[in-house]
Amino acid sequence: MKNICFIINDLSGAGAERVVLNLAEELVKLGHRVDIITLYNRLDYALDKNINLHSLEFNSHDKAIKNIKSNAILNAFSPLLRIADSIFKSTHFTNNKKTQILLAKIAMLNIDVDLFVSHLPDADQICIAAKLPNLYCCIHRGISDEIRMHSKNKLYYKIMQILRQKTYKNQHLIGVSAGVSRDILQLGIKPKSVQTIYNILDFAKIKNQAKKYQPTEQDYIICIGRLSKEKRFDILINAYKQANIKQKLLIFGQGAQQPNIQKLIDDLDLTQQVVLKGFKPNPYPYIKNAKALILSSDIEGLPTVLLEALVLGVPIVSSNCRFGPNEILTAELADFLSPVGDAAALAANIAKMIQSPIKIDAKFTAKFTKEVAIRKYLALCK
């Protein structure tokens, strides 16, 4: 039996958080002990009783930065404010008090941990500062694209690049896709090691969860994701209108962009056709019964929802963002990759998929089986 500890910001309803829980569930099934330590006290998913959950209960520090764009004057200085925020975060999570809280919590586990894995930048920083033994930082999306998402300012990009180089220098890193792993090195980061481990998927569990209830809607396409700017729901909704299909568009997720998305739906007179369904811990029945799943993101790491759709036999139309989709949409599905930010191309592919859907079989998911990922993670244990 191995003792494995994951550290992550929180377990809110989003992709990286779900990946951690999927991995933890598979490891405990195999008889290993798994502890999850969160920086913030938030849990949006049902938790397996065999997983040990602990929270450091830190307070969120960045509400002011999140509100920058609501103020026109502050927005003009947003690159500088974001630089200041990033420097603040690096000191906020690496100060002695925070690291001591983390180390005290780990000591309370009263076990010899064989593997620490941190997920998301905040957790990475505090774990690195705490000098945890046998630590691997899991990078869930392309770092270069994540920097560009916040600002196109060249000074901002360069400073953030230097900060990331400093943070991850001589660390063991995991990329969730081959593209993410390449981006780490291309950004000039010099890790101790970097390897690719695809996000774990329990095919049987996904198929079983898809039988739990019957969706009320019958004829629709679907999109699932955090309602955030980089997911580009504006592109999706405009593409849906241009596709001119009879199927409804159901959007599942929660996030800060919800009011803007709803306004766009109203402005385009699509209130009867496009429905915001909120967050669902189990969206699989809706995925299984969809005519297609759509992804319109600017950036991703390895979009798990695309893999889940394939497991359930649902065809996909996706933006060809740099990391993930082109590793998933292979063979004939590659024709349904659309240029990032191109609503017209996305619309054409949606219409084409509805008219002539691709039959999904096991060849599309063979390299993403849970056994491969589990074997790689256990090999990291000391």
Protein backbone atom coordinates (compact mmCIF):
# COMPACT_ATOMS: atom_id res chain seq x y z
CA MET A 1 0.00 0.00 0.00
CA LYS A 2 1.20 3.51 -0.85
CA ASN A 3 0.37 6.75 0.97
CA ILE A 4 -0.36 9.49 -1.53
CA CYS A 5 -1.23 13.13 -0.80
CA PHE A 6 -2.74 15.59 -3.27
CA ILE A 7 -2.69 19.34 -2.56
CA ILE A 8 -5.04 21.61 -4.53
CA ASN A 9 -6.67 25.04 -4.16
CA ASP A 10 -10.13 23.60 -3.45
CA LEU A 11 -12.61 21.07 -4.83
CA SER A 12 -14.95 23.45 -6.62
CA GLY A 13 -16.91 22.33 -9.66
CA ALA A 14 -14.22 22.48 -12.35
CA GLY A 15 -11.97 20.26 -14.43
CA ALA A 16 -8.72 19.98 -12.46
CA GLU A 17 -10.65 19.39 -9.24
CA ARG A 18 -12.67 16.59 -10.82
CA VAL A 19 -9.48 15.02 -12.20
CA VAL A 20 -7.97 14.90 -8.69
CA LEU A 21 -11.06 13.21 -7.28
CA ASN A 22 -11.17 10.68 -10.13
CA LEU A 23 -7.54 9.80 -9.50
CA ALA A 24 -8.04 9.58 -5.74
CA GLU A 25 -11.05 7.28 -6.14
CA GLU A 26 -9.13 4.87 -8.35
CA LEU A 27 -6.18 4.74 -5.98
CA VAL A 28 -8.31 3.96 -2.91
CA LYS A 29 -10.06 1.20 -4.87
CA LEU A 30 -6.65 -0.42 -5.30
CA GLY A 31 -6.05 -0.29 -1.54
CA HIS A 32 -3.84 2.79 -1.33
CA ARG A 33 -4.33 5.59 1.19
CA VAL A 34 -5.16 8.98 -0.32
CA ASP A 35 -5.27 12.30 1.52
CA ILE A 36 -6.38 15.52 -0.20
CA ILE A 37 -5.38 18.84 1.34
CA THR A 38 -7.15 21.96 0.05
CA LEU A 39 -6.01 25.53 0.59
CA TYR A 40 -9.59 26.80 0.71
CA ASN A 41 -12.61 25.13 2.24
CA ARG A 42 -14.87 24.39 -0.74
CA LEU A 43 -16.30 21.07 -1.93
CA ASP A 44 -18.80 20.83 -4.80
CA TYR A 45 -18.52 17.09 -5.47
CA ALA A 46 -19.59 13.98 -3.57
CA LEU A 47 -16.55 12.57 -1.80
CA ASP A 48 -15.68 8.88 -1.57
CA LYS A 49 -15.76 7.89 2.11
CA ASN A 50 -12.33 6.28 1.80
CA ILE A 51 -10.65 9.55 0.76
CA ASN A 52 -9.32 11.67 3.62
CA LEU A 53 -10.07 15.37 3.06
CA HIS A 54 -8.37 18.18 4.98
CA SER A 55 -8.54 21.96 4.53
CA LEU A 56 -6.01 24.64 5.50
CA GLU A 57 -8.95 27.10 5.41
CA PHE A 58 -6.97 29.99 3.96
CA ASN A 59 -8.85 33.13 3.02
CA SER A 60 -9.08 34.09 -0.65
CA HIS A 61 -6.82 37.09 -1.25
CA ASP A 62 -7.48 38.10 -4.84
CA LYS A 63 -11.06 39.42 -4.98
CA ALA A 64 -9.83 42.90 -5.82
CA ILE A 65 -7.87 41.64 -8.84
CA LYS A 66 -10.92 39.77 -10.11
CA ASN A 67 -12.86 43.04 -10.12
CA ILE A 68 -10.27 45.06 -12.07
CA LYS A 69 -12.10 44.87 -15.38
CA SER A 70 -15.25 46.32 -13.88
CA ASN A 71 -13.41 49.62 -13.41
CA ALA A 72 -12.30 51.45 -16.57
CA ILE A 73 -9.46 53.34 -14.86
CA LEU A 74 -8.07 50.27 -13.12
CA ASN A 75 -8.44 48.27 -16.32
CA ALA A 76 -5.93 50.56 -18.05
CA PHE A 77 -3.36 49.52 -15.48
CA SER A 78 -4.45 45.88 -15.28
CA PRO A 79 -1.14 44.40 -16.56
CA LEU A 80 0.75 46.19 -13.79
CA LEU A 81 -1.83 45.22 -11.20
CA ARG A 82 -1.70 41.62 -12.35
CA ILE A 83 2.09 41.64 -12.08
CA ALA A 84 1.75 43.00 -8.55
CA ASP A 85 -0.86 40.34 -7.79
CA SER A 86 1.38 37.55 -9.07
CA ILE A 87 4.32 38.79 -6.99
CA PHE A 88 1.99 39.06 -4.00
CA LYS A 89 0.80 35.48 -4.55
CA SER A 90 4.36 34.20 -4.74
CA THR A 91 5.13 35.76 -1.36
CA HIS A 92 1.64 35.06 0.05
CA PHE A 93 1.98 31.32 -0.48
CA THR A 94 5.68 31.03 0.25
CA ASN A 95 5.82 32.89 3.54
CA ASN A 96 6.88 30.91 6.55
CA LYS A 97 3.49 31.05 8.29
CA LYS A 98 1.64 29.47 5.38
CA THR A 99 4.20 26.74 4.85
CA GLN A 100 4.22 25.94 8.56
CA ILE A 101 0.43 25.53 8.50
CA LEU A 102 0.77 23.09 5.61
CA LEU A 103 3.58 21.14 7.26
CA ALA A 104 1.63 20.97 10.53
CA LYS A 105 -1.38 19.56 8.70
CA ILE A 106 0.81 16.94 6.99
CA ALA A 107 2.38 16.02 10.33
CA MET A 108 -1.11 15.41 11.72
CA LEU A 109 -1.63 12.71 9.10
CA ASN A 110 0.89 10.68 11.10
CA ILE A 111 2.02 8.69 8.05
CA ASP A 112 5.07 8.47 5.83
CA VAL A 113 3.83 9.97 2.56
CA ASP A 114 5.22 8.20 -0.51
CA LEU A 115 4.13 10.81 -3.06
CA PHE A 116 2.99 14.43 -2.95
CA VAL A 117 1.27 15.87 -6.03
CA SER A 118 0.25 19.54 -6.15
CA HIS A 119 -2.38 20.80 -8.56
CA LEU A 120 -2.81 24.42 -9.78
CA PRO A 121 -0.34 27.31 -9.29
CA ASP A 122 -1.31 28.41 -5.77
CA ALA A 123 -0.89 24.88 -4.42
CA ASP A 124 2.33 24.43 -6.41
CA GLN A 125 3.90 27.51 -4.83
CA ILE A 126 3.18 26.62 -1.21
CA CYS A 127 4.27 22.99 -1.71
CA ILE A 128 7.53 24.02 -3.36
CA ALA A 129 8.20 26.57 -0.59
CA ALA A 130 7.52 23.88 2.03
CA LYS A 131 10.15 21.67 0.34
CA LEU A 132 7.89 18.63 0.42
CA PRO A 133 9.78 15.42 -0.35
CA ASN A 134 9.07 13.56 -3.59
CA LEU A 135 6.82 16.39 -4.82
CA TYR A 136 5.43 16.48 -8.35
CA CYS A 137 3.56 19.56 -9.64
CA CYS A 138 0.78 18.73 -12.09
CA ILE A 139 0.33 21.39 -14.79
CA HIS A 140 -3.26 21.33 -16.04
CA ARG A 141 -3.03 23.74 -18.97
CA GLY A 142 -0.46 25.47 -21.13
CA ILE A 143 1.39 28.01 -18.98
CA SER A 144 2.14 30.31 -21.91
CA ASP A 145 -1.52 30.49 -22.92
CA GLU A 146 -2.58 31.00 -19.32
CA ILE A 147 -0.28 34.04 -19.10
CA ARG A 148 -1.61 35.45 -22.40
CA MET A 149 -5.18 34.92 -21.22
CA HIS A 150 -4.72 37.57 -18.53
CA SER A 151 -2.97 40.18 -20.66
CA LYS A 152 -1.42 40.67 -24.13
CA ASN A 153 1.07 43.13 -22.62
CA LYS A 154 4.64 42.04 -23.52
CA LEU A 155 6.13 43.28 -20.25
CA TYR A 156 3.52 41.32 -18.31
CA TYR A 157 4.28 38.19 -20.33
CA LYS A 158 8.04 38.47 -19.78
CA ILE A 159 7.76 39.06 -16.04
CA MET A 160 5.29 36.19 -15.65
CA GLN A 161 7.58 33.96 -17.70
CA ILE A 162 10.47 34.76 -15.35
CA LEU A 163 8.26 34.09 -12.29
CA ARG A 164 7.16 30.71 -13.68
CA GLN A 165 10.78 29.83 -14.55
CA LYS A 166 11.77 30.63 -10.98
CA THR A 167 8.85 28.75 -9.43
CA TYR A 168 9.31 25.50 -11.34
CA LYS A 169 13.11 25.42 -11.66
CA ASN A 170 14.49 22.03 -10.57
CA GLN A 171 11.02 20.69 -9.80
CA HIS A 172 9.42 17.45 -10.95
CA LEU A 173 6.54 18.38 -13.31
CA ILE A 174 3.65 16.48 -14.86
CA GLY A 175 1.89 17.74 -17.98
CA VAL A 176 -1.67 16.51 -18.55
CA SER A 177 -1.04 16.42 -22.30
CA ALA A 178 1.99 16.18 -24.56
CA GLY A 179 1.32 19.78 -25.64
CA VAL A 180 1.40 21.04 -22.06
CA SER A 181 4.66 19.18 -21.42
CA ARG A 182 6.26 20.71 -24.54
CA ASP A 183 5.07 24.19 -23.54
CA ILE A 184 6.82 23.88 -20.16
CA LEU A 185 10.18 23.45 -21.88
CA GLN A 186 9.50 25.97 -24.64
CA LEU A 187 8.78 28.60 -21.97
CA GLY A 188 12.35 28.24 -20.77
CA ILE A 189 11.47 26.41 -17.56
CA LYS A 190 14.26 24.05 -16.47
CA PRO A 191 12.56 21.35 -14.37
CA LYS A 192 14.30 18.42 -12.74
CA SER A 193 11.97 16.22 -14.82
CA VAL A 194 8.83 16.54 -16.93
CA GLN A 195 6.54 13.79 -18.12
CA THR A 196 3.07 13.46 -19.59
CA ILE A 197 0.32 11.63 -17.71
CA TYR A 198 -3.14 11.91 -19.22
CA ASN A 199 -6.06 12.63 -16.90
CA ILE A 200 -7.56 9.48 -15.47
CA LEU A 201 -10.95 8.26 -16.62
CA ASP A 202 -13.00 5.43 -15.14
CA PHE A 203 -14.91 4.32 -18.23
CA ALA A 204 -17.21 1.97 -16.30
CA LYS A 205 -18.10 4.63 -13.70
CA ILE A 206 -18.86 7.22 -16.39
CA LYS A 207 -21.16 4.77 -18.20
CA ASN A 208 -22.86 3.82 -14.93
CA GLN A 209 -23.35 7.47 -13.91
CA ALA A 210 -24.89 8.14 -17.31
CA LYS A 211 -27.76 5.79 -16.39
CA LYS A 212 -28.66 7.54 -13.11
CA TYR A 213 -31.49 9.66 -14.51
CA GLN A 214 -33.19 10.59 -17.78
CA PRO A 215 -32.77 14.20 -19.00
CA THR A 216 -35.98 16.10 -19.57
CA GLU A 217 -34.68 17.54 -22.86
CA GLN A 218 -34.53 15.20 -25.85
CA ASP A 219 -32.94 16.93 -28.84
CA TYR A 220 -29.90 19.06 -28.02
CA ILE A 221 -26.18 19.68 -28.24
CA ILE A 222 -24.19 20.33 -25.09
CA CYS A 223 -21.28 22.31 -23.70
CA ILE A 224 -19.83 21.83 -20.21
CA GLY A 225 -17.26 24.03 -18.49
CA ARG A 226 -16.52 26.82 -16.08
CA LEU A 227 -18.29 30.01 -17.19
CA SER A 228 -15.06 31.94 -17.61
CA LYS A 229 -13.64 34.17 -20.32
CA GLU A 230 -11.16 31.68 -21.79
CA LYS A 231 -13.94 29.15 -22.49
CA ARG A 232 -15.28 31.57 -25.11
CA PHE A 233 -18.99 31.04 -24.71
CA ASP A 234 -19.42 34.15 -26.86
CA ILE A 235 -17.91 32.24 -29.79
CA LEU A 236 -20.02 29.19 -28.99
CA ILE A 237 -23.30 31.08 -28.87
CA ASN A 238 -22.58 33.04 -32.04
CA ALA A 239 -21.57 29.81 -33.78
CA TYR A 240 -24.77 28.13 -32.62
CA LYS A 241 -26.85 30.95 -34.09
CA GLN A 242 -24.98 30.73 -37.41
CA ALA A 243 -25.31 26.92 -37.54
CA ASN A 244 -29.09 27.34 -37.67
CA ILE A 245 -29.86 23.86 -36.34
CA LYS A 246 -33.10 22.75 -34.69
CA GLN A 247 -31.39 21.23 -31.64
CA LYS A 248 -31.20 23.28 -28.44
CA LEU A 249 -27.87 24.25 -26.90
CA LEU A 250 -27.55 23.31 -23.22
CA ILE A 251 -24.68 24.88 -21.26
CA PHE A 252 -23.61 23.37 -17.94
CA GLY A 253 -21.30 25.18 -15.53
CA GLN A 254 -20.94 28.07 -13.14
CA GLY A 255 -18.69 31.10 -13.05
CA ALA A 256 -18.21 34.85 -13.19
CA GLN A 257 -19.18 35.18 -16.86
CA GLN A 258 -22.75 33.96 -16.37
CA PRO A 259 -24.39 37.43 -16.52
CA ASN A 260 -22.50 38.31 -19.73
CA ILE A 261 -23.39 34.97 -21.31
CA GLN A 262 -27.05 35.38 -20.44
CA LYS A 263 -27.05 38.91 -21.86
CA LEU A 264 -25.60 37.64 -25.14
CA ILE A 265 -28.28 34.95 -25.29
CA ASP A 266 -30.94 37.59 -24.76
CA ASP A 267 -29.39 40.02 -27.26
CA LEU A 268 -29.31 37.33 -29.98
CA ASP A 269 -32.93 36.39 -29.22
CA LEU A 270 -31.94 32.82 -28.32
CA THR A 271 -33.66 32.51 -24.95
CA GLN A 272 -35.80 29.61 -26.17
CA GLN A 273 -32.92 27.76 -27.82
CA VAL A 274 -29.93 28.27 -25.47
CA VAL A 275 -30.33 27.24 -21.84
CA LEU A 276 -27.91 27.79 -18.95
CA LYS A 277 -28.37 24.69 -16.78
CA GLY A 278 -25.95 25.56 -13.97
CA PHE A 279 -23.51 23.15 -12.35
CA LYS A 280 -24.36 19.45 -12.08
CA PRO A 281 -22.08 17.02 -10.22
CA ASN A 282 -23.32 14.29 -12.57
CA PRO A 283 -23.85 15.66 -16.08
CA TYR A 284 -23.24 12.30 -17.75
CA PRO A 285 -26.89 11.45 -18.60
CA TYR A 286 -27.05 14.76 -20.47
CA ILE A 287 -23.78 14.06 -22.26
CA LYS A 288 -24.87 10.55 -23.25
CA ASN A 289 -28.11 11.79 -24.81
CA ALA A 290 -26.60 14.76 -26.63
CA LYS A 291 -26.32 14.87 -30.42
CA ALA A 292 -22.83 16.35 -30.01
CA LEU A 293 -20.60 17.98 -27.41
CA ILE A 294 -19.04 21.33 -28.29
CA LEU A 295 -15.90 22.99 -26.91
CA SER A 296 -14.99 26.56 -27.91
CA SER A 297 -12.08 27.38 -25.57
CA ASP A 298 -9.09 29.59 -26.25
CA ILE A 299 -6.93 27.49 -23.94
CA GLU A 300 -7.07 24.06 -22.33
CA GLY A 301 -4.68 21.48 -20.92
CA LEU A 302 -6.41 18.21 -21.59
CA PRO A 303 -10.18 18.85 -21.67
CA THR A 304 -11.52 15.85 -19.77
CA VAL A 305 -15.08 16.52 -20.89
CA LEU A 306 -14.07 15.64 -24.48
CA LEU A 307 -12.82 12.26 -23.33
CA GLU A 308 -15.95 11.68 -21.28
CA ALA A 309 -18.09 12.37 -24.34
CA LEU A 310 -16.11 9.84 -26.39
CA VAL A 311 -16.49 7.22 -23.64
CA LEU A 312 -20.26 7.73 -23.91
CA GLY A 313 -20.18 7.49 -27.72
CA VAL A 314 -20.95 11.16 -28.31
CA PRO A 315 -19.25 12.96 -31.23
CA ILE A 316 -17.32 16.17 -30.64
CA VAL A 317 -16.81 19.53 -32.32
CA SER A 318 -13.98 21.57 -30.79
CA SER A 319 -11.79 24.59 -31.18
CA ASN A 320 -8.23 23.59 -32.01
CA CYS A 321 -6.65 25.31 -29.02
CA ARG A 322 -3.00 24.48 -28.62
CA PHE A 323 -3.16 21.89 -25.88
CA GLY A 324 -5.36 18.83 -25.75
CA PRO A 325 -8.08 18.74 -28.41
CA ASN A 326 -5.82 17.64 -31.27
CA GLU A 327 -4.52 14.79 -29.08
CA ILE A 328 -8.11 13.63 -28.51
CA LEU A 329 -9.84 14.34 -31.83
CA THR A 330 -7.94 11.97 -34.08
CA ALA A 331 -8.70 10.10 -37.32
CA GLU A 332 -11.96 11.34 -38.87
CA LEU A 333 -12.76 13.48 -35.81
CA ALA A 334 -9.78 15.70 -36.67
CA ASP A 335 -11.92 17.25 -39.41
CA PHE A 336 -14.08 18.77 -36.67
CA LEU A 337 -11.32 20.89 -35.13
CA SER A 338 -12.01 24.58 -35.74
CA PRO A 339 -9.55 27.49 -35.58
CA VAL A 340 -9.59 29.25 -32.20
CA GLY A 341 -11.94 32.24 -32.13
CA ASP A 342 -13.56 31.38 -35.49
CA ALA A 343 -17.32 31.29 -34.91
CA ALA A 344 -18.09 30.69 -38.60
CA ALA A 345 -15.82 27.62 -38.79
CA LEU A 346 -17.23 26.27 -35.53
CA ALA A 347 -20.76 26.80 -36.85
CA ALA A 348 -19.98 24.94 -40.08
CA ASN A 349 -18.57 21.99 -38.14
CA ILE A 350 -21.56 21.89 -35.78
CA ALA A 351 -23.95 21.81 -38.74
CA LYS A 352 -21.86 19.15 -40.49
CA MET A 353 -21.73 16.93 -37.39
CA ILE A 354 -25.49 17.17 -36.88
CA GLN A 355 -26.12 16.31 -40.52
CA SER A 356 -23.57 13.45 -40.72
CA PRO A 357 -22.53 12.36 -37.20
CA ILE A 358 -19.32 10.38 -36.73
CA LYS A 359 -19.70 6.95 -35.11
CA ILE A 360 -17.55 6.82 -31.97
CA ASP A 361 -15.75 3.58 -31.08
CA ALA A 362 -12.97 2.40 -28.76
CA LYS A 363 -10.11 3.51 -31.01
CA PHE A 364 -10.64 7.11 -29.90
CA THR A 365 -10.16 6.38 -26.17
CA ALA A 366 -7.66 3.49 -26.10
CA LYS A 367 -4.67 5.56 -24.89
CA PHE A 368 -6.67 7.25 -22.13
CA THR A 369 -7.51 4.18 -20.03
CA LYS A 370 -7.22 4.55 -16.25
CA GLU A 371 -4.75 1.67 -15.97
CA VAL A 372 -2.09 3.58 -17.90
CA ALA A 373 -2.38 6.71 -15.72
CA ILE A 374 -2.49 4.77 -12.43
CA ARG A 375 0.61 2.79 -13.35
CA LYS A 376 2.50 6.00 -14.09
CA TYR A 377 1.50 7.69 -10.83
CA LEU A 378 2.41 4.66 -8.70
CA ALA A 379 5.80 4.55 -10.42
CA LEU A 380 6.49 8.02 -8.97
CA CYS A 381 6.14 6.81 -5.37
CA LYS A 382 9.40 6.64 -3.44
